[in-house]
Every structure is written in structure tokens, then in C-alpha cells.
Protein backbone atom coordinates (compact mmCIF):
# COMPACT_ATOMS: atom_id res chain seq x y z
CA MET A 1 -47.69 -58.94 -165.10
CA THR A 2 -47.04 -55.93 -162.62
CA ASP A 3 -44.22 -53.70 -164.13
CA ARG A 4 -41.82 -53.64 -160.91
CA LEU A 5 -40.66 -50.61 -160.97
CA TYR A 6 -37.83 -51.54 -158.26
CA TYR A 7 -36.09 -53.23 -161.19
CA ASN A 8 -34.50 -50.04 -162.73
CA ASP A 9 -34.50 -47.71 -159.90
CA PRO A 10 -34.44 -48.86 -156.55
CA TYR A 11 -34.77 -45.23 -155.10
CA CYS A 12 -38.13 -44.68 -156.51
CA ILE A 13 -40.61 -44.44 -153.71
CA GLU A 14 -43.42 -43.27 -154.84
CA PHE A 15 -45.41 -43.97 -157.55
CA ASP A 16 -49.23 -44.09 -159.15
CA ALA A 17 -50.88 -47.11 -160.20
CA THR A 18 -54.10 -48.76 -160.75
CA VAL A 19 -55.80 -51.78 -159.39
CA MET A 20 -56.13 -54.40 -161.44
CA GLY A 21 -57.49 -57.75 -159.26
CA LEU A 22 -58.82 -58.00 -155.98
CA GLU A 23 -58.09 -61.29 -153.69
CA SER A 24 -57.42 -62.45 -149.89
CA VAL A 25 -54.64 -63.71 -148.15
CA ASP A 26 -55.28 -64.91 -144.63
CA GLY A 27 -58.36 -62.87 -144.07
CA LYS A 28 -56.80 -59.38 -145.38
CA PRO A 29 -57.47 -57.82 -148.71
CA ALA A 30 -54.55 -57.63 -151.31
CA VAL A 31 -54.56 -56.30 -154.56
CA ARG A 32 -52.61 -56.32 -157.84
CA LEU A 33 -51.18 -53.10 -159.32
CA ASP A 34 -50.26 -52.44 -163.11
CA ARG A 35 -47.02 -51.04 -161.89
CA THR A 36 -45.43 -51.06 -158.40
CA ALA A 37 -42.14 -49.74 -156.36
CA PHE A 38 -42.97 -52.36 -153.54
CA TYR A 39 -40.85 -55.27 -153.45
CA PRO A 40 -41.51 -58.07 -152.28
CA THR A 41 -40.05 -61.31 -150.17
CA SER A 42 -37.61 -62.94 -152.22
CA GLY A 43 -33.78 -63.96 -152.55
CA GLY A 44 -33.68 -63.57 -148.80
CA GLN A 45 -34.27 -59.74 -148.38
CA PRO A 46 -38.03 -58.95 -146.68
CA HIS A 47 -41.00 -57.28 -148.46
CA ASP A 48 -41.05 -53.49 -148.14
CA LEU A 49 -43.25 -51.85 -145.81
CA GLY A 50 -45.26 -48.45 -146.96
CA THR A 51 -48.79 -47.13 -148.38
CA LEU A 52 -51.41 -47.19 -150.83
CA ASN A 53 -53.89 -44.02 -150.73
CA ASP A 54 -52.82 -44.09 -146.74
CA VAL A 55 -53.97 -47.75 -146.46
CA PRO A 56 -50.98 -49.62 -144.79
CA VAL A 57 -49.31 -52.29 -146.23
CA VAL A 58 -48.33 -54.94 -144.11
CA ASP A 59 -47.36 -57.63 -146.80
CA VAL A 60 -45.74 -57.65 -150.62
CA ILE A 61 -46.19 -61.41 -152.01
CA ASP A 62 -44.22 -62.37 -154.82
CA ALA A 63 -46.90 -64.68 -157.29
CA ASP A 64 -46.68 -66.54 -160.32
CA ASP A 65 -48.23 -63.97 -162.35
CA GLY A 66 -47.56 -60.43 -160.41
CA ILE A 67 -47.27 -59.27 -156.90
CA LEU A 68 -49.89 -58.97 -154.15
CA HIS A 69 -50.33 -56.17 -152.09
CA VAL A 70 -51.60 -57.54 -148.72
CA LEU A 71 -53.78 -54.01 -147.19
CA GLU A 72 -55.32 -53.14 -143.48
CA ARG A 73 -58.11 -52.68 -145.75
CA GLY A 74 -58.93 -52.75 -149.16
CA VAL A 75 -59.48 -50.72 -152.27
CA GLU A 76 -62.18 -50.48 -154.75
CA LEU A 77 -60.58 -52.43 -158.22
CA GLY A 78 -59.96 -50.12 -160.51
CA ALA A 79 -59.17 -47.63 -158.79
CA LEU A 80 -55.97 -45.67 -159.22
CA VAL A 81 -53.93 -45.01 -156.25
CA HIS A 82 -50.51 -43.73 -155.03
CA GLY A 83 -48.32 -45.31 -153.41
CA LYS A 84 -45.24 -44.37 -151.13
CA VAL A 85 -42.27 -46.96 -149.63
CA ASP A 86 -41.12 -46.75 -146.74
CA TRP A 87 -38.18 -45.03 -147.23
CA ALA A 88 -36.08 -46.21 -144.13
CA ARG A 89 -36.70 -49.90 -144.25
CA ARG A 90 -36.01 -49.95 -148.00
CA PHE A 91 -32.67 -48.23 -147.35
CA ASP A 92 -31.72 -50.35 -144.76
CA HIS A 93 -32.38 -53.52 -146.89
CA MET A 94 -30.38 -51.79 -150.03
CA GLN A 95 -27.09 -51.36 -147.95
CA GLN A 96 -27.09 -54.41 -146.49
CA HIS A 97 -28.09 -56.29 -149.36
CA THR A 98 -25.16 -54.85 -151.41
CA GLY A 99 -22.95 -54.93 -148.80
CA GLN A 100 -23.82 -58.85 -148.57
CA HIS A 101 -22.69 -58.89 -152.66
CA VAL A 102 -19.10 -57.33 -151.59
CA LEU A 103 -18.60 -59.10 -148.58
CA SER A 104 -19.37 -62.06 -150.69
CA ALA A 105 -17.34 -61.02 -153.26
CA ALA A 106 -14.60 -60.84 -150.71
CA PHE A 107 -14.82 -63.95 -148.99
CA ASP A 108 -14.95 -65.96 -152.59
CA ARG A 109 -11.80 -63.39 -153.82
CA VAL A 110 -9.40 -63.19 -150.51
CA VAL A 111 -10.14 -67.07 -148.84
CA ASN A 112 -11.84 -69.43 -152.24
CA ALA A 113 -15.19 -69.42 -149.97
CA ARG A 114 -18.72 -69.14 -151.96
CA THR A 115 -21.86 -67.72 -150.60
CA GLU A 116 -24.33 -70.68 -150.43
CA SER A 117 -27.04 -68.51 -148.74
CA PHE A 118 -27.76 -64.76 -147.57
CA HIS A 119 -30.46 -64.12 -145.37
CA LEU A 120 -31.56 -60.59 -144.26
CA GLY A 121 -33.57 -60.32 -140.45
CA ALA A 122 -34.38 -57.19 -138.70
CA ASP A 123 -31.38 -56.75 -136.65
CA TYR A 124 -28.85 -58.29 -138.67
CA ALA A 125 -28.04 -60.49 -142.05
CA THR A 126 -26.10 -63.82 -142.29
CA ILE A 127 -23.96 -65.40 -145.40
CA ASP A 128 -23.72 -69.09 -145.17
CA LEU A 129 -20.62 -70.13 -146.73
CA ASN A 130 -19.42 -73.64 -148.28
CA ARG A 131 -16.42 -74.10 -145.70
CA ASP A 132 -14.61 -73.66 -142.05
CA LEU A 133 -13.34 -69.89 -141.82
CA THR A 134 -10.49 -69.19 -139.30
CA PRO A 135 -11.00 -65.71 -137.57
CA GLU A 136 -7.83 -64.61 -139.38
CA GLU A 137 -9.74 -65.24 -143.22
CA ILE A 138 -12.29 -63.65 -141.93
CA ALA A 139 -11.03 -60.54 -141.45
CA ARG A 140 -8.57 -60.15 -144.57
CA ALA A 141 -12.18 -61.03 -146.34
CA GLU A 142 -14.10 -58.12 -144.13
CA ASP A 143 -10.88 -55.85 -144.67
CA ASP A 144 -11.20 -56.02 -148.03
CA ALA A 145 -14.83 -55.79 -148.30
CA ASN A 146 -14.56 -52.39 -146.42
CA ARG A 147 -11.80 -51.72 -149.12
CA ILE A 148 -14.20 -51.74 -152.02
CA VAL A 149 -16.95 -49.75 -149.78
CA TRP A 150 -14.48 -47.12 -149.10
CA GLU A 151 -13.07 -46.58 -152.43
CA ASP A 152 -16.99 -45.94 -153.70
CA ARG A 153 -17.31 -47.83 -156.71
CA PRO A 154 -20.12 -47.46 -158.61
CA VAL A 155 -23.14 -49.78 -158.46
CA THR A 156 -25.16 -50.48 -161.95
CA ILE A 157 -27.92 -52.49 -163.47
CA ALA A 158 -27.67 -54.73 -166.62
CA PHE A 159 -30.63 -56.69 -167.69
CA VAL A 160 -28.94 -59.69 -170.31
CA ASP A 161 -30.31 -63.25 -171.59
CA ALA A 162 -29.15 -66.16 -170.50
CA VAL A 163 -26.85 -66.72 -173.88
CA GLU A 164 -24.89 -63.73 -172.90
CA ALA A 165 -24.64 -64.26 -169.15
CA ALA A 166 -23.29 -67.85 -170.08
CA LYS A 167 -20.25 -65.32 -171.34
CA LEU A 168 -19.88 -63.17 -168.16
CA PRO A 169 -17.63 -63.83 -165.24
CA LEU A 170 -20.94 -64.18 -162.75
CA ARG A 171 -19.67 -65.00 -159.16
CA LYS A 172 -22.64 -67.34 -158.94
CA GLU A 173 -24.77 -69.61 -161.46
CA PRO A 174 -27.91 -68.04 -161.79
CA ALA A 175 -30.82 -69.82 -160.51
CA ARG A 176 -33.28 -68.70 -163.19
CA GLU A 177 -34.00 -68.68 -166.78
CA GLY A 178 -35.17 -66.13 -169.61
CA LEU A 179 -33.83 -62.44 -168.74
CA LEU A 180 -31.24 -61.70 -166.47
CA ARG A 181 -30.89 -58.62 -164.15
CA LEU A 182 -27.14 -58.25 -163.28
CA ILE A 183 -25.94 -56.15 -160.09
CA ASP A 184 -22.31 -55.04 -160.98
CA VAL A 185 -19.81 -53.67 -158.32
CA GLU A 186 -17.32 -52.41 -160.25
CA ASP A 187 -14.85 -54.56 -160.98
CA TYR A 188 -14.95 -56.58 -158.43
CA ASP A 189 -18.42 -58.50 -158.44
CA LEU A 190 -20.72 -59.33 -160.66
CA SER A 191 -24.36 -61.57 -159.77
CA ALA A 192 -27.94 -62.41 -161.09
CA CYS A 193 -30.18 -60.59 -158.36
CA GLY A 194 -34.03 -59.18 -158.04
CA GLY A 195 -33.24 -57.08 -155.15
CA THR A 196 -32.31 -53.55 -153.78
CA HIS A 197 -29.10 -51.83 -153.73
CA VAL A 198 -28.04 -48.77 -153.86
CA ARG A 199 -25.70 -46.89 -156.86
CA ARG A 200 -22.18 -46.58 -155.19
CA THR A 201 -20.73 -48.47 -152.59
CA GLY A 202 -19.73 -45.55 -150.29
CA VAL A 203 -23.41 -45.38 -149.64
CA ILE A 204 -22.69 -48.86 -147.77
CA GLY A 205 -21.24 -46.88 -145.12
CA VAL A 206 -19.28 -50.13 -143.15
CA ILE A 207 -19.54 -53.78 -143.53
CA ALA A 208 -19.00 -55.38 -139.57
CA VAL A 209 -19.02 -58.78 -139.12
CA THR A 210 -20.12 -59.70 -135.48
CA SER A 211 -19.95 -63.25 -135.48
CA TRP A 212 -19.26 -66.97 -136.79
CA GLU A 213 -20.06 -70.39 -136.70
CA ARG A 214 -19.72 -73.63 -138.04
CA PHE A 215 -23.17 -74.18 -139.96
CA LYS A 216 -24.13 -77.31 -142.01
CA GLY A 217 -20.01 -77.84 -143.06
CA GLY A 218 -19.41 -74.52 -143.66
CA THR A 219 -19.07 -71.70 -141.67
CA ARG A 220 -22.15 -68.78 -141.08
CA VAL A 221 -21.03 -65.16 -140.60
CA GLY A 222 -23.67 -62.76 -139.08
CA PHE A 223 -22.63 -59.10 -140.07
CA VAL A 224 -23.82 -55.19 -140.38
CA CYS A 225 -23.83 -52.52 -142.47
CA GLY A 226 -24.28 -48.45 -142.56
CA GLY A 227 -26.83 -47.83 -140.51
CA ARG A 228 -27.19 -50.81 -138.52
CA ALA A 229 -23.55 -50.90 -137.64
CA LEU A 230 -23.80 -47.60 -136.30
CA ARG A 231 -26.17 -48.63 -134.34
CA ALA A 232 -24.46 -51.97 -133.32
CA HIS A 233 -21.65 -49.85 -131.90
CA ARG A 234 -23.81 -48.01 -129.86
CA ARG A 235 -25.24 -51.22 -127.55
CA LEU A 236 -22.04 -52.42 -127.57
CA ARG A 237 -20.52 -49.39 -126.41
CA ASP A 238 -23.21 -49.03 -124.01
CA ILE A 239 -22.80 -52.13 -122.65
CA VAL A 240 -19.08 -52.60 -122.46
CA ALA A 241 -19.49 -48.29 -120.26
CA ALA A 242 -21.77 -50.06 -117.94
CA SER A 243 -19.78 -52.91 -117.44
CA VAL A 244 -16.79 -50.97 -117.00
CA ARG A 245 -18.64 -48.50 -114.21
CA SER A 246 -19.64 -52.07 -112.64
CA LEU A 247 -16.59 -53.42 -112.12
CA SER A 248 -14.50 -50.44 -111.84
CA VAL A 249 -11.87 -51.73 -114.71
CA HIS A 250 -10.57 -50.51 -118.22
CA PRO A 251 -11.88 -51.44 -121.07
CA THR A 252 -9.80 -53.49 -122.05
CA GLU A 253 -9.44 -55.43 -118.74
CA LEU A 254 -13.38 -56.30 -118.69
CA PRO A 255 -12.43 -60.11 -119.97
CA ALA A 256 -9.82 -60.13 -116.85
CA ALA A 257 -12.12 -59.13 -114.79
CA ILE A 258 -15.28 -61.27 -115.65
CA GLU A 259 -13.00 -64.10 -115.51
CA ARG A 260 -11.64 -63.17 -111.87
CA LEU A 261 -14.97 -62.66 -110.44
CA GLN A 262 -16.25 -66.03 -111.73
CA ALA A 263 -13.67 -67.48 -110.11
CA GLU A 264 -14.22 -65.72 -106.80
CA GLN A 265 -17.67 -67.11 -106.50
CA LYS A 266 -16.44 -70.53 -107.81
CA ASP A 267 -14.72 -70.37 -104.10
CA ALA A 268 -17.28 -68.68 -102.59
CA LYS A 269 -19.75 -71.77 -103.53
CA ARG A 270 -17.19 -74.30 -101.78
CA SER A 271 -16.61 -72.14 -98.86
CA ILE A 272 -20.37 -71.74 -98.21
CA LYS A 273 -21.03 -75.57 -99.14
CA ASP A 274 -17.83 -76.43 -96.27
CA LEU A 275 -19.49 -74.41 -93.87
CA GLN A 276 -23.06 -75.52 -94.52
CA LEU A 277 -21.40 -79.12 -93.41
CA LYS A 278 -19.65 -78.04 -90.87
CA LEU A 279 -22.83 -76.43 -89.37
């Protein structure tokens, strides 16, 4: 089995290891290491990227007997390798995943809506909740989640067995048995999770809900945290700035201006049709 360094230290992004096995995945070479800091795709979180001896790692797979590192080109069995994890990608995933824990706990605590699943995409993440929510309920949960972020609470890791876990106030029933890895957001959320997380909630920066829709009898909420929230704000700012320049209106008047243009377009189409008939 592979020693998963990220379990104890998600900030570890450089390590040395030995190649213990060679395989092939979709025609590409893949290696098993005795230890790794690379996170594999699992639990709604995508895999890390990086290099082994400067060879790009293009995929990381959680196999039954260890972790497979899919490479652009092969390395030799028994070779000593130096691994480097792409920090920008890792840190982004840490912000989003820790933000998900806090936001899911907020929905549970504030509006009694439980998280059914979580997905971390390239641009935004989603949480599927077990009931319909109003915009006001979503805003209340979002406010409370950001309160926890700005209080900069510690986020710690603990390992317990099933007997110990049964005595703890876990937010969700664990999906696996045996030794469990718990992520504890101080006095707010305690969940079994194998993902990578920041050490304090303040590092999340901000949690911003970007969308919501009905989904399978509940609500799917989209959100962004930290750096993603900043980039989303910049995109929205630039779109609004370009729109108000084109329409010569104040940002608060933008929706009304668009409605007015749509109405004028419909009137123009009717007028053109009438004139064509007369012609």
C-alpha cells in the first residue's frame, strides 16, 4: 500500500519515493510508489498534477492496492524519484473543499438542509442538498458560512476507528468502515473525509454562492471560494462595466435597460412585419 503523505500534511508538495510497480493506463505508463503526496481523484475532488523526476503526472488514480501515477513517459522499476505537486492547483482544491465543509455545515445548522453529494469542477463547485430552498434560506446559510471563515477557526485532522466515530457528532454517516480520517472545523463541523484542506478557515477567504436550481427533489447550489471567488468577481465586474458603457446606464439600472431593449425589439419586429405586409 502507498503511504499517503497528504493524509497528515496537505501542505506537503515535494517528496522522495521509490517506484514499486509499473503498469499501463489507456496506453500511458503508470507507476506505484512506496509513498506519495499526490492526491488521487476521490470523494468529489479531482486529482493533483505535477511531476516525478520532471516527468509530468497527467492523472492520479486511487486503486485497490495503492495509488497509480499516470505519466507522459515511463520511469524504471526501483528508481528513486522526486515528486513535485502543482501547488496552485492543490491550494485551489484545498480552499474549495474546506469551503464545502463549512458551507454544508451551515446549510445543515441554519436551514436544516443536508448535503447529499459534492462535486469540485474546474471553475466552480456544487453541493446537492436534500430539499428545496428559498433564496432567503440560501443567503442565511451563506452568511453563517462566511462568519466561520472570518473567525479564522482552526481545521484539524484526526484518525479514529469505527467505535470511536460512533460516539462523535459527525455531520454525515461515514461511507466506509475501518480507520476514519476526520476533518474538524472547530466547534462547527466534524466530517469523515480523505481530501485536502487548509489549516484555518480564514485561508478560505470567502464563500460565494453563484447559482442554485432544483435538482432531484432538492437543491443544487453552485459556489466558489478564495481565488475562484476573486476571479468570478472580476469576470462579473468586467461584464457589467462593458454592458453599462454600451447602454449608458448606471449598473443598478441595467436589468431595466435590458427589459426596455427587449420590449423595443419586439415592437420593432411587429412594425417591420406590418410594413412588409403593406409593401
